[in-house]
N, C-alpha and C. Protein backbone atom coordinates (compact mmCIF):
# COMPACT_ATOMS: atom_id res chain seq x y z
N MET A 1 0.85 -1.18 0.00
CA MET A 1 0.00 0.00 0.00
C MET A 1 0.89 1.24 0.00
N ALA A 2 0.44 2.24 -0.71
CA ALA A 2 1.19 3.48 -0.80
C ALA A 2 1.22 4.20 0.54
N ALA A 3 2.24 5.01 0.72
CA ALA A 3 2.41 5.74 1.99
C ALA A 3 1.19 6.59 2.32
N ALA A 4 0.62 7.23 1.32
CA ALA A 4 -0.56 8.07 1.56
C ALA A 4 -1.72 7.24 2.10
N GLY A 5 -1.91 6.06 1.58
CA GLY A 5 -2.97 5.18 2.06
C GLY A 5 -2.75 4.74 3.49
N ARG A 6 -1.50 4.42 3.81
CA ARG A 6 -1.17 4.02 5.19
C ARG A 6 -1.42 5.17 6.15
N LEU A 7 -1.04 6.36 5.77
CA LEU A 7 -1.27 7.53 6.62
C LEU A 7 -2.75 7.79 6.83
N ARG A 8 -3.53 7.64 5.77
CA ARG A 8 -4.98 7.85 5.87
C ARG A 8 -5.60 6.81 6.81
N ARG A 9 -5.19 5.55 6.67
CA ARG A 9 -5.73 4.51 7.55
C ARG A 9 -5.32 4.74 9.00
N GLU A 10 -4.07 5.15 9.22
CA GLU A 10 -3.64 5.41 10.58
C GLU A 10 -4.41 6.59 11.17
N SER A 11 -4.69 7.59 10.36
CA SER A 11 -5.48 8.74 10.83
C SER A 11 -6.85 8.28 11.32
N VAL A 12 -7.48 7.38 10.59
CA VAL A 12 -8.79 6.86 11.00
C VAL A 12 -8.66 6.10 12.32
N ARG A 13 -7.60 5.30 12.47
CA ARG A 13 -7.41 4.57 13.73
C ARG A 13 -7.17 5.52 14.90
N MET A 14 -6.47 6.62 14.67
CA MET A 14 -6.25 7.59 15.75
C MET A 14 -7.56 8.28 16.12
N GLN A 15 -8.41 8.52 15.14
CA GLN A 15 -9.73 9.07 15.43
C GLN A 15 -10.54 8.07 16.26
N ALA A 16 -10.41 6.79 15.92
CA ALA A 16 -11.09 5.76 16.69
C ALA A 16 -10.58 5.76 18.14
N ALA A 17 -9.28 5.90 18.32
CA ALA A 17 -8.72 5.92 19.67
C ALA A 17 -9.31 7.08 20.48
N GLU A 18 -9.45 8.24 19.85
CA GLU A 18 -10.05 9.39 20.54
C GLU A 18 -11.49 9.08 20.96
N LEU A 19 -12.22 8.43 20.08
CA LEU A 19 -13.61 8.08 20.40
C LEU A 19 -13.66 7.03 21.52
N PHE A 20 -12.78 6.05 21.49
CA PHE A 20 -12.74 5.05 22.56
C PHE A 20 -12.43 5.73 23.90
N GLU A 21 -11.56 6.73 23.88
CA GLU A 21 -11.24 7.49 25.09
C GLU A 21 -12.49 8.15 25.67
N GLN A 22 -13.41 8.53 24.78
CA GLN A 22 -14.67 9.15 25.19
C GLN A 22 -15.74 8.11 25.50
N GLU A 23 -15.34 6.84 25.52
CA GLU A 23 -16.22 5.70 25.82
C GLU A 23 -17.32 5.49 24.77
N VAL A 24 -17.01 5.85 23.53
CA VAL A 24 -17.92 5.58 22.43
C VAL A 24 -17.78 4.09 22.07
N ARG A 25 -18.90 3.43 21.89
CA ARG A 25 -18.91 2.00 21.60
C ARG A 25 -18.38 1.72 20.19
N PRO A 26 -17.75 0.55 19.99
CA PRO A 26 -17.20 0.21 18.67
C PRO A 26 -18.22 0.31 17.52
N THR A 27 -19.47 -0.07 17.76
CA THR A 27 -20.45 0.03 16.68
C THR A 27 -20.68 1.48 16.25
N GLU A 28 -20.66 2.39 17.21
CA GLU A 28 -20.82 3.80 16.90
C GLU A 28 -19.56 4.36 16.25
N VAL A 29 -18.39 3.90 16.68
CA VAL A 29 -17.13 4.30 16.05
C VAL A 29 -17.15 3.89 14.58
N ALA A 30 -17.57 2.67 14.32
CA ALA A 30 -17.64 2.18 12.94
C ALA A 30 -18.57 3.06 12.10
N ARG A 31 -19.70 3.40 12.65
CA ARG A 31 -20.66 4.23 11.92
C ARG A 31 -20.09 5.62 11.63
N ARG A 32 -19.53 6.24 12.67
CA ARG A 32 -19.02 7.61 12.51
C ARG A 32 -17.85 7.68 11.54
N LEU A 33 -16.97 6.68 11.59
CA LEU A 33 -15.76 6.72 10.77
C LEU A 33 -15.91 5.98 9.45
N ARG A 34 -17.10 5.39 9.24
CA ARG A 34 -17.36 4.66 8.02
C ARG A 34 -16.35 3.54 7.78
N VAL A 35 -16.17 2.74 8.81
CA VAL A 35 -15.33 1.55 8.72
C VAL A 35 -16.19 0.35 9.10
N SER A 36 -15.65 -0.83 8.88
CA SER A 36 -16.42 -2.03 9.22
C SER A 36 -16.50 -2.19 10.74
N GLY A 37 -17.57 -2.83 11.16
CA GLY A 37 -17.71 -3.14 12.57
C GLY A 37 -16.59 -4.05 13.05
N LYS A 38 -16.17 -4.96 12.18
CA LYS A 38 -15.08 -5.88 12.52
C LYS A 38 -13.80 -5.10 12.84
N SER A 39 -13.47 -4.12 12.02
CA SER A 39 -12.27 -3.31 12.27
C SER A 39 -12.39 -2.55 13.58
N ALA A 40 -13.54 -1.92 13.79
CA ALA A 40 -13.74 -1.14 15.02
C ALA A 40 -13.63 -2.04 16.26
N ARG A 41 -14.20 -3.24 16.18
CA ARG A 41 -14.10 -4.16 17.33
C ARG A 41 -12.66 -4.60 17.56
N GLN A 42 -11.91 -4.86 16.49
CA GLN A 42 -10.51 -5.26 16.63
C GLN A 42 -9.71 -4.12 17.26
N TRP A 43 -9.90 -2.92 16.79
CA TRP A 43 -9.20 -1.78 17.36
C TRP A 43 -9.55 -1.60 18.82
N HIS A 44 -10.83 -1.80 19.14
CA HIS A 44 -11.27 -1.64 20.52
C HIS A 44 -10.61 -2.68 21.43
N ARG A 45 -10.40 -3.90 20.92
CA ARG A 45 -9.71 -4.93 21.70
C ARG A 45 -8.25 -4.57 21.92
N LEU A 46 -7.62 -3.97 20.92
CA LEU A 46 -6.20 -3.60 21.02
C LEU A 46 -5.98 -2.34 21.85
N TRP A 47 -6.94 -1.45 21.83
CA TRP A 47 -6.80 -0.13 22.42
C TRP A 47 -6.36 -0.14 23.89
N PRO A 48 -6.92 -0.97 24.78
CA PRO A 48 -6.49 -0.93 26.18
C PRO A 48 -5.02 -1.30 26.39
N GLU A 49 -4.44 -2.02 25.44
CA GLU A 49 -3.04 -2.45 25.57
C GLU A 49 -2.06 -1.29 25.51
N GLY A 50 -2.42 -0.20 24.85
CA GLY A 50 -1.48 0.89 24.71
C GLY A 50 -2.10 2.16 24.19
N ARG A 51 -3.40 2.27 24.34
CA ARG A 51 -4.15 3.43 23.87
C ARG A 51 -3.86 3.68 22.39
N ALA A 52 -3.62 4.91 22.00
CA ALA A 52 -3.42 5.22 20.58
C ALA A 52 -2.21 4.49 20.00
N GLU A 53 -1.18 4.29 20.79
CA GLU A 53 0.02 3.60 20.31
C GLU A 53 -0.31 2.18 19.86
N ALA A 54 -1.29 1.56 20.49
CA ALA A 54 -1.68 0.20 20.12
C ALA A 54 -2.30 0.16 18.73
N LEU A 55 -2.79 1.30 18.24
CA LEU A 55 -3.43 1.35 16.93
C LEU A 55 -2.53 1.94 15.86
N ALA A 56 -1.28 2.22 16.19
CA ALA A 56 -0.36 2.80 15.22
C ALA A 56 -0.11 1.83 14.07
N SER A 57 0.32 2.36 12.95
CA SER A 57 0.60 1.53 11.78
C SER A 57 1.70 0.53 12.07
N ARG A 58 1.52 -0.65 11.53
CA ARG A 58 2.56 -1.67 11.56
C ARG A 58 2.49 -2.47 10.27
N PRO A 59 3.57 -3.12 9.95
CA PRO A 59 3.55 -3.92 8.71
C PRO A 59 2.46 -4.98 8.74
N ARG A 60 1.95 -5.32 7.58
CA ARG A 60 0.88 -6.32 7.44
C ARG A 60 1.27 -7.61 8.17
N GLY A 61 0.31 -8.18 8.87
CA GLY A 61 0.54 -9.44 9.57
C GLY A 61 0.98 -9.30 11.02
N GLU A 62 1.20 -8.08 11.47
CA GLU A 62 1.66 -7.88 12.83
C GLU A 62 0.55 -7.46 13.77
N TRP A 63 -0.72 -7.51 13.34
CA TRP A 63 -1.82 -7.17 14.23
C TRP A 63 -2.10 -8.33 15.14
N SER A 64 -2.26 -8.05 16.39
CA SER A 64 -2.63 -9.08 17.36
C SER A 64 -4.11 -9.39 17.21
N SER A 65 -4.46 -10.64 17.41
CA SER A 65 -5.87 -11.01 17.33
C SER A 65 -6.53 -10.93 18.70
N ALA A 66 -5.77 -10.53 19.70
CA ALA A 66 -6.21 -10.36 21.09
C ALA A 66 -7.38 -11.19 21.41
């Protein structure tokens, strides 16, 4: 994936982290950010491990399935 695409996806994940901080539920995060519910739930599982840092970009295949 091109660098611009990675940056755009990371930006969405950081927005999700901000919403999780406000205790917004993953289903609402998915709706607001126009992402799949599956992605929002995965991010929500990872989020407590390191807050926004847990959602930072990493090479493909390095996402934890928590």
